[in-house]
Amino acid sequence: MTENRIVYITHEPVELYKVLKFENIAASDGEAKYMIADGLVRVNGRVETRKRKKIFSGDVIEIHDTCLEIKCEQR
């Protein structure tokens, strides 16, 4: 079963590894970077291995059974 979450960011872009850390997918920056380097993360349906990939509103991140939809909060 897939868990779908909406993630609200206050500014864009945000680096991919930071999203994983702040959403408690990874316990640390290092763990998030290893997950990305190992090809476990998909962004918009494609495997992403760039740790500092810029994430924008509308992007969808998938890892394990979790799907994160990114939205930017309006100020």
PDB file of N, CA and C in Angstrom:
ATOM      1  N   MET A   1       0.839  -1.181   0.000  1.00  0.00           N
ATOM      2  CA  MET A   1       0.000   0.000   0.000  1.00  0.00           C
ATOM      3  C   MET A   1       0.885   1.246   0.000  1.00  0.00           C
ATOM      4  N   THR A   2       0.552   2.193  -0.831  1.00  0.00           N
ATOM      5  CA  THR A   2       1.350   3.408  -0.965  1.00  0.00           C
ATOM      6  C   THR A   2       0.800   4.509  -0.074  1.00  0.00           C
ATOM      7  N   GLU A   3       1.713   5.189   0.614  1.00  0.00           N
ATOM      8  CA  GLU A   3       1.332   6.345   1.419  1.00  0.00           C
ATOM      9  C   GLU A   3       1.555   7.591   0.578  1.00  0.00           C
ATOM     10  N   ASN A   4       0.522   8.383   0.393  1.00  0.00           N
ATOM     11  CA  ASN A   4       0.622   9.634  -0.358  1.00  0.00           C
ATOM     12  C   ASN A   4       0.602  10.798   0.623  1.00  0.00           C
ATOM     13  N   ARG A   5       1.573  11.703   0.453  1.00  0.00           N
ATOM     14  CA  ARG A   5       1.647  12.876   1.329  1.00  0.00           C
ATOM     15  C   ARG A   5       1.837  14.116   0.467  1.00  0.00           C
ATOM     16  N   ILE A   6       1.265  15.210   0.921  1.00  0.00           N
ATOM     17  CA  ILE A   6       1.534  16.506   0.308  1.00  0.00           C
ATOM     18  C   ILE A   6       2.553  17.203   1.197  1.00  0.00           C
ATOM     19  N   VAL A   7       3.629  17.683   0.584  1.00  0.00           N
ATOM     20  CA  VAL A   7       4.699  18.355   1.320  1.00  0.00           C
ATOM     21  C   VAL A   7       4.681  19.827   0.917  1.00  0.00           C
ATOM     22  N   TYR A   8       4.495  20.695   1.894  1.00  0.00           N
ATOM     23  CA  TYR A   8       4.472  22.130   1.626  1.00  0.00           C
ATOM     24  C   TYR A   8       5.859  22.717   1.907  1.00  0.00           C
ATOM     25  N   ILE A   9       6.402  23.407   0.922  1.00  0.00           N
ATOM     26  CA  ILE A   9       7.689  24.074   1.082  1.00  0.00           C
ATOM     27  C   ILE A   9       7.453  25.579   1.104  1.00  0.00           C
ATOM     28  N   THR A  10       8.324  26.305   1.781  1.00  0.00           N
ATOM     29  CA  THR A  10       8.141  27.753   1.905  1.00  0.00           C
ATOM     30  C   THR A  10       8.884  28.524   0.828  1.00  0.00           C
ATOM     31  N   HIS A  11       9.862  27.882   0.208  1.00  0.00           N
ATOM     32  CA  HIS A  11      10.590  28.516  -0.892  1.00  0.00           C
ATOM     33  C   HIS A  11      11.037  27.422  -1.852  1.00  0.00           C
ATOM     34  N   GLU A  12      11.299  27.806  -3.059  1.00  0.00           N
ATOM     35  CA  GLU A  12      11.799  26.841  -4.031  1.00  0.00           C
ATOM     36  C   GLU A  12      12.951  27.456  -4.806  1.00  0.00           C
ATOM     37  N   PRO A  13      13.879  26.657  -5.261  1.00  0.00           N
ATOM     38  CA  PRO A  13      13.904  25.203  -5.145  1.00  0.00           C
ATOM     39  C   PRO A  13      14.470  24.737  -3.803  1.00  0.00           C
ATOM     40  N   VAL A  14      14.242  23.453  -3.518  1.00  0.00           N
ATOM     41  CA  VAL A  14      14.789  22.779  -2.346  1.00  0.00           C
ATOM     42  C   VAL A  14      15.555  21.563  -2.846  1.00  0.00           C
ATOM     43  N   GLU A  15      16.689  21.272  -2.241  1.00  0.00           N
ATOM     44  CA  GLU A  15      17.480  20.118  -2.673  1.00  0.00           C
ATOM     45  C   GLU A  15      16.801  18.821  -2.248  1.00  0.00           C
ATOM     46  N   LEU A  16      16.867  17.827  -3.118  1.00  0.00           N
ATOM     47  CA  LEU A  16      16.186  16.554  -2.911  1.00  0.00           C
ATOM     48  C   LEU A  16      16.516  15.912  -1.568  1.00  0.00           C
ATOM     49  N   TYR A  17      17.787  15.837  -1.213  1.00  0.00           N
ATOM     50  CA  TYR A  17      18.153  15.151   0.032  1.00  0.00           C
ATOM     51  C   TYR A  17      17.540  15.834   1.253  1.00  0.00           C
ATOM     52  N   LYS A  18      17.338  17.153   1.181  1.00  0.00           N
ATOM     53  CA  LYS A  18      16.746  17.882   2.306  1.00  0.00           C
ATOM     54  C   LYS A  18      15.277  17.523   2.486  1.00  0.00           C
ATOM     55  N   VAL A  19      14.573  17.312   1.384  1.00  0.00           N
ATOM     56  CA  VAL A  19      13.168  16.902   1.485  1.00  0.00           C
ATOM     57  C   VAL A  19      13.072  15.554   2.191  1.00  0.00           C
ATOM     58  N   LEU A  20      13.937  14.621   1.820  1.00  0.00           N
ATOM     59  CA  LEU A  20      13.906  13.298   2.448  1.00  0.00           C
ATOM     60  C   LEU A  20      14.184  13.385   3.940  1.00  0.00           C
ATOM     61  N   LYS A  21      15.109  14.241   4.313  1.00  0.00           N
ATOM     62  CA  LYS A  21      15.441  14.388   5.737  1.00  0.00           C
ATOM     63  C   LYS A  21      14.294  15.044   6.501  1.00  0.00           C
ATOM     64  N   PHE A  22      13.784  16.155   5.996  1.00  0.00           N
ATOM     65  CA  PHE A  22      12.739  16.879   6.713  1.00  0.00           C
ATOM     66  C   PHE A  22      11.430  16.113   6.796  1.00  0.00           C
ATOM     67  N   GLU A  23      11.203  15.204   5.866  1.00  0.00           N
ATOM     68  CA  GLU A  23       9.982  14.389   5.897  1.00  0.00           C
ATOM     69  C   GLU A  23      10.189  13.071   6.649  1.00  0.00           C
ATOM     70  N   ASN A  24      11.330  12.949   7.321  1.00  0.00           N
ATOM     71  CA  ASN A  24      11.662  11.769   8.127  1.00  0.00           C
ATOM     72  C   ASN A  24      11.689  10.470   7.324  1.00  0.00           C
ATOM     73  N   ILE A  25      12.007  10.581   6.052  1.00  0.00           N
ATOM     74  CA  ILE A  25      12.237   9.392   5.229  1.00  0.00           C
ATOM     75  C   ILE A  25      13.644   8.880   5.546  1.00  0.00           C
ATOM     76  N   ALA A  26      14.563   9.821   5.769  1.00  0.00           N
ATOM     77  CA  ALA A  26      15.940   9.503   6.144  1.00  0.00           C
ATOM     78  C   ALA A  26      16.232  10.151   7.497  1.00  0.00           C
ATOM     79  N   ALA A  27      17.050   9.493   8.295  1.00  0.00           N
ATOM     80  CA  ALA A  27      17.375   9.995   9.630  1.00  0.00           C
ATOM     81  C   ALA A  27      18.402  11.127   9.605  1.00  0.00           C
ATOM     82  N   SER A  28      19.179  11.217   8.519  1.00  0.00           N
ATOM     83  CA  SER A  28      20.230  12.232   8.444  1.00  0.00           C
ATOM     84  C   SER A  28      20.469  12.617   6.991  1.00  0.00           C
ATOM     85  N   ASP A  29      21.233  13.692   6.816  1.00  0.00           N
ATOM     86  CA  ASP A  29      21.621  14.096   5.454  1.00  0.00           C
ATOM     87  C   ASP A  29      22.362  12.968   4.764  1.00  0.00           C
ATOM     88  N   GLY A  30      23.291  12.343   5.490  1.00  0.00           N
ATOM     89  CA  GLY A  30      24.101  11.264   4.922  1.00  0.00           C
ATOM     90  C   GLY A  30      23.255  10.089   4.465  1.00  0.00           C
ATOM     91  N   GLU A  31      22.289   9.695   5.289  1.00  0.00           N
ATOM     92  CA  GLU A  31      21.416   8.579   4.913  1.00  0.00           C
ATOM     93  C   GLU A  31      20.602   8.934   3.667  1.00  0.00           C
ATOM     94  N   ALA A  32      20.098  10.160   3.610  1.00  0.00           N
ATOM     95  CA  ALA A  32      19.327  10.599   2.443  1.00  0.00           C
ATOM     96  C   ALA A  32      20.191  10.547   1.186  1.00  0.00           C
ATOM     97  N   LYS A  33      21.423  10.994   1.291  1.00  0.00           N
ATOM     98  CA  LYS A  33      22.325  10.994   0.136  1.00  0.00           C
ATOM     99  C   LYS A  33      22.633   9.576  -0.329  1.00  0.00           C
ATOM    100  N   TYR A  34      22.798   8.638   0.603  1.00  0.00           N
ATOM    101  CA  TYR A  34      23.040   7.237   0.227  1.00  0.00           C
ATOM    102  C   TYR A  34      21.823   6.645  -0.472  1.00  0.00           C
ATOM    103  N   MET A  35      20.632   6.943   0.020  1.00  0.00           N
ATOM    104  CA  MET A  35      19.407   6.435  -0.608  1.00  0.00           C
ATOM    105  C   MET A  35      19.306   6.913  -2.061  1.00  0.00           C
ATOM    106  N   ILE A  36      19.635   8.173  -2.261  1.00  0.00           N
ATOM    107  CA  ILE A  36      19.584   8.742  -3.609  1.00  0.00           C
ATOM    108  C   ILE A  36      20.654   8.097  -4.485  1.00  0.00           C
ATOM    109  N   ALA A  37      21.887   8.019  -3.987  1.00  0.00           N
ATOM    110  CA  ALA A  37      22.992   7.445  -4.765  1.00  0.00           C
ATOM    111  C   ALA A  37      22.738   5.985  -5.126  1.00  0.00           C
ATOM    112  N   ASP A  38      22.018   5.257  -4.264  1.00  0.00           N
ATOM    113  CA  ASP A  38      21.723   3.846  -4.507  1.00  0.00           C
ATOM    114  C   ASP A  38      20.562   3.639  -5.476  1.00  0.00           C
ATOM    115  N   GLY A  39      19.977   4.734  -5.974  1.00  0.00           N
ATOM    116  CA  GLY A  39      18.901   4.617  -6.961  1.00  0.00           C
ATOM    117  C   GLY A  39      17.553   4.251  -6.377  1.00  0.00           C
ATOM    118  N   LEU A  40      17.339   4.536  -5.101  1.00  0.00           N
ATOM    119  CA  LEU A  40      16.077   4.194  -4.448  1.00  0.00           C
ATOM    120  C   LEU A  40      15.005   5.265  -4.593  1.00  0.00           C
ATOM    121  N   VAL A  41      15.379   6.432  -5.131  1.00  0.00           N
ATOM    122  CA  VAL A  41      14.466   7.574  -5.192  1.00  0.00           C
ATOM    123  C   VAL A  41      14.107   7.881  -6.649  1.00  0.00           C
ATOM    124  N   ARG A  42      12.813   8.121  -6.862  1.00  0.00           N
ATOM    125  CA  ARG A  42      12.340   8.521  -8.188  1.00  0.00           C
ATOM    126  C   ARG A  42      11.743   9.924  -8.069  1.00  0.00           C
ATOM    127  N   VAL A  43      12.044  10.774  -9.045  1.00  0.00           N
ATOM    128  CA  VAL A  43      11.454  12.111  -9.115  1.00  0.00           C
ATOM    129  C   VAL A  43      10.719  12.198 -10.443  1.00  0.00           C
ATOM    130  N   ASN A  44       9.435  12.472 -10.358  1.00  0.00           N
ATOM    131  CA  ASN A  44       8.582  12.559 -11.546  1.00  0.00           C
ATOM    132  C   ASN A  44       8.696  11.308 -12.415  1.00  0.00           C
ATOM    133  N   GLY A  45       8.752  10.140 -11.746  1.00  0.00           N
ATOM    134  CA  GLY A  45       8.744   8.870 -12.443  1.00  0.00           C
ATOM    135  C   GLY A  45      10.087   8.350 -12.917  1.00  0.00           C
ATOM    136  N   ARG A  46      11.158   9.098 -12.696  1.00  0.00           N
ATOM    137  CA  ARG A  46      12.491   8.678 -13.137  1.00  0.00           C
ATOM    138  C   ARG A  46      13.430   8.529 -11.953  1.00  0.00           C
ATOM    139  N   VAL A  47      14.279   7.512 -12.018  1.00  0.00           N
ATOM    140  CA  VAL A  47      15.279   7.326 -10.966  1.00  0.00           C
ATOM    141  C   VAL A  47      16.183   8.551 -10.956  1.00  0.00           C
ATOM    142  N   GLU A  48      16.388   9.099  -9.761  1.00  0.00           N
ATOM    143  CA  GLU A  48      17.225  10.302  -9.606  1.00  0.00           C
ATOM    144  C   GLU A  48      18.408   9.970  -8.713  1.00  0.00           C
ATOM    145  N   THR A  49      19.619  10.205  -9.209  1.00  0.00           N
ATOM    146  CA  THR A  49      20.827   9.930  -8.426  1.00  0.00           C
ATOM    147  C   THR A  49      21.581  11.207  -8.051  1.00  0.00           C
ATOM    148  N   ARG A  50      21.038  12.362  -8.415  1.00  0.00           N
ATOM    149  CA  ARG A  50      21.673  13.634  -8.038  1.00  0.00           C
ATOM    150  C   ARG A  50      21.144  14.058  -6.675  1.00  0.00           C
ATOM    151  N   LYS A  51      22.039  14.095  -5.694  1.00  0.00           N
ATOM    152  CA  LYS A  51      21.654  14.425  -4.319  1.00  0.00           C
ATOM    153  C   LYS A  51      21.113  15.843  -4.193  1.00  0.00           C
ATOM    154  N   ARG A  52      21.672  16.737  -4.978  1.00  0.00           N
ATOM    155  CA  ARG A  52      21.289  18.146  -4.893  1.00  0.00           C
ATOM    156  C   ARG A  52      20.309  18.555  -5.995  1.00  0.00           C
ATOM    157  N   LYS A  53      19.606  17.577  -6.534  1.00  0.00           N
ATOM    158  CA  LYS A  53      18.578  17.845  -7.545  1.00  0.00           C
ATOM    159  C   LYS A  53      17.612  18.879  -6.984  1.00  0.00           C
ATOM    160  N   LYS A  54      17.340  19.903  -7.749  1.00  0.00           N
ATOM    161  CA  LYS A  54      16.444  20.966  -7.309  1.00  0.00           C
ATOM    162  C   LYS A  54      14.994  20.515  -7.450  1.00  0.00           C
ATOM    163  N   ILE A  55      14.257  20.622  -6.363  1.00  0.00           N
ATOM    164  CA  ILE A  55      12.865  20.207  -6.314  1.00  0.00           C
ATOM    165  C   ILE A  55      11.982  21.454  -6.288  1.00  0.00           C
ATOM    166  N   PHE A  56      10.965  21.435  -7.157  1.00  0.00           N
ATOM    167  CA  PHE A  56      10.048  22.563  -7.295  1.00  0.00           C
ATOM    168  C   PHE A  56       8.620  22.113  -7.012  1.00  0.00           C
ATOM    169  N   SER A  57       7.739  23.082  -6.801  1.00  0.00           N
ATOM    170  CA  SER A  57       6.319  22.801  -6.639  1.00  0.00           C
ATOM    171  C   SER A  57       5.825  22.021  -7.851  1.00  0.00           C
ATOM    172  N   GLY A  58       5.052  20.976  -7.593  1.00  0.00           N
ATOM    173  CA  GLY A  58       4.539  20.132  -8.669  1.00  0.00           C
ATOM    174  C   GLY A  58       5.327  18.855  -8.868  1.00  0.00           C
ATOM    175  N   ASP A  59       6.544  18.791  -8.324  1.00  0.00           N
ATOM    176  CA  ASP A  59       7.348  17.568  -8.440  1.00  0.00           C
ATOM    177  C   ASP A  59       6.755  16.480  -7.542  1.00  0.00           C
ATOM    178  N   VAL A  60       6.967  15.230  -7.950  1.00  0.00           N
ATOM    179  CA  VAL A  60       6.520  14.078  -7.171  1.00  0.00           C
ATOM    180  C   VAL A  60       7.735  13.201  -6.890  1.00  0.00           C
ATOM    181  N   ILE A  61       7.976  12.923  -5.615  1.00  0.00           N
ATOM    182  CA  ILE A  61       9.107  12.107  -5.181  1.00  0.00           C
ATOM    183  C   ILE A  61       8.554  10.779  -4.679  1.00  0.00           C
ATOM    184  N   GLU A  62       9.137   9.671  -5.152  1.00  0.00           N
ATOM    185  CA  GLU A  62       8.721   8.343  -4.710  1.00  0.00           C
ATOM    186  C   GLU A  62       9.917   7.618  -4.110  1.00  0.00           C
ATOM    187  N   ILE A  63       9.707   7.023  -2.951  1.00  0.00           N
ATOM    188  CA  ILE A  63      10.727   6.197  -2.321  1.00  0.00           C
ATOM    189  C   ILE A  63      10.020   5.140  -1.480  1.00  0.00           C
ATOM    190  N   HIS A  64      10.451   3.895  -1.638  1.00  0.00           N
ATOM    191  CA  HIS A  64       9.808   2.753  -0.982  1.00  0.00           C
ATOM    192  C   HIS A  64       8.313   2.801  -1.306  1.00  0.00           C
ATOM    193  N   ASP A  65       7.470   2.831  -0.300  1.00  0.00           N
ATOM    194  CA  ASP A  65       6.023   2.887  -0.518  1.00  0.00           C
ATOM    195  C   ASP A  65       5.455   4.261  -0.188  1.00  0.00           C
ATOM    196  N   THR A  66       6.274   5.294  -0.352  1.00  0.00           N
ATOM    197  CA  THR A  66       5.850   6.654  -0.029  1.00  0.00           C
ATOM    198  C   THR A  66       5.938   7.536  -1.262  1.00  0.00           C
ATOM    199  N   CYS A  67       4.900   8.318  -1.464  1.00  0.00           N
ATOM    200  CA  CYS A  67       4.846   9.253  -2.589  1.00  0.00           C
ATOM    201  C   CYS A  67       4.640  10.652  -2.010  1.00  0.00           C
ATOM    202  N   LEU A  68       5.573  11.551  -2.295  1.00  0.00           N
ATOM    203  CA  LEU A  68       5.513  12.922  -1.777  1.00  0.00           C
ATOM    204  C   LEU A  68       5.216  13.882  -2.924  1.00  0.00           C
ATOM    205  N   GLU A  69       4.117  14.611  -2.818  1.00  0.00           N
ATOM    206  CA  GLU A  69       3.783  15.625  -3.824  1.00  0.00           C
ATOM    207  C   GLU A  69       4.165  16.984  -3.234  1.00  0.00           C
ATOM    208  N   ILE A  70       4.991  17.726  -3.971  1.00  0.00           N
ATOM    209  CA  ILE A  70       5.533  18.993  -3.462  1.00  0.00           C
ATOM    210  C   ILE A  70       4.640  20.157  -3.882  1.00  0.00           C
ATOM    211  N   LYS A  71       4.325  21.002  -2.908  1.00  0.00           N
ATOM    212  CA  LYS A  71       3.543  22.219  -3.179  1.00  0.00           C
ATOM    213  C   LYS A  71       4.212  23.365  -2.437  1.00  0.00           C
ATOM    214  N   CYS A  72       4.209  24.527  -3.048  1.00  0.00           N
ATOM    215  CA  CYS A  72       4.806  25.714  -2.430  1.00  0.00           C
ATOM    216  C   CYS A  72       3.707  26.511  -1.730  1.00  0.00           C
ATOM    217  N   GLU A  73       3.938  26.835  -0.455  1.00  0.00           N
ATOM    218  CA  GLU A  73       2.991  27.644   0.299  1.00  0.00           C
ATOM    219  C   GLU A  73       2.981  29.055  -0.263  1.00  0.00           C
ATOM    220  N   GLN A  74       1.815  29.613  -0.405  1.00  0.00           N
ATOM    221  CA  GLN A  74       1.687  31.002  -0.871  1.00  0.00           C
ATOM    222  C   GLN A  74       1.912  31.935   0.297  1.00  0.00           C
ATOM    223  N   ARG A  75       2.713  32.950   0.081  1.00  0.00           N
ATOM    224  CA  ARG A  75       2.981  33.914   1.160  1.00  0.00           C
ATOM    225  C   ARG A  75       2.180  35.153   0.941  1.00  0.00           C
TER     226      ARG A  75
END
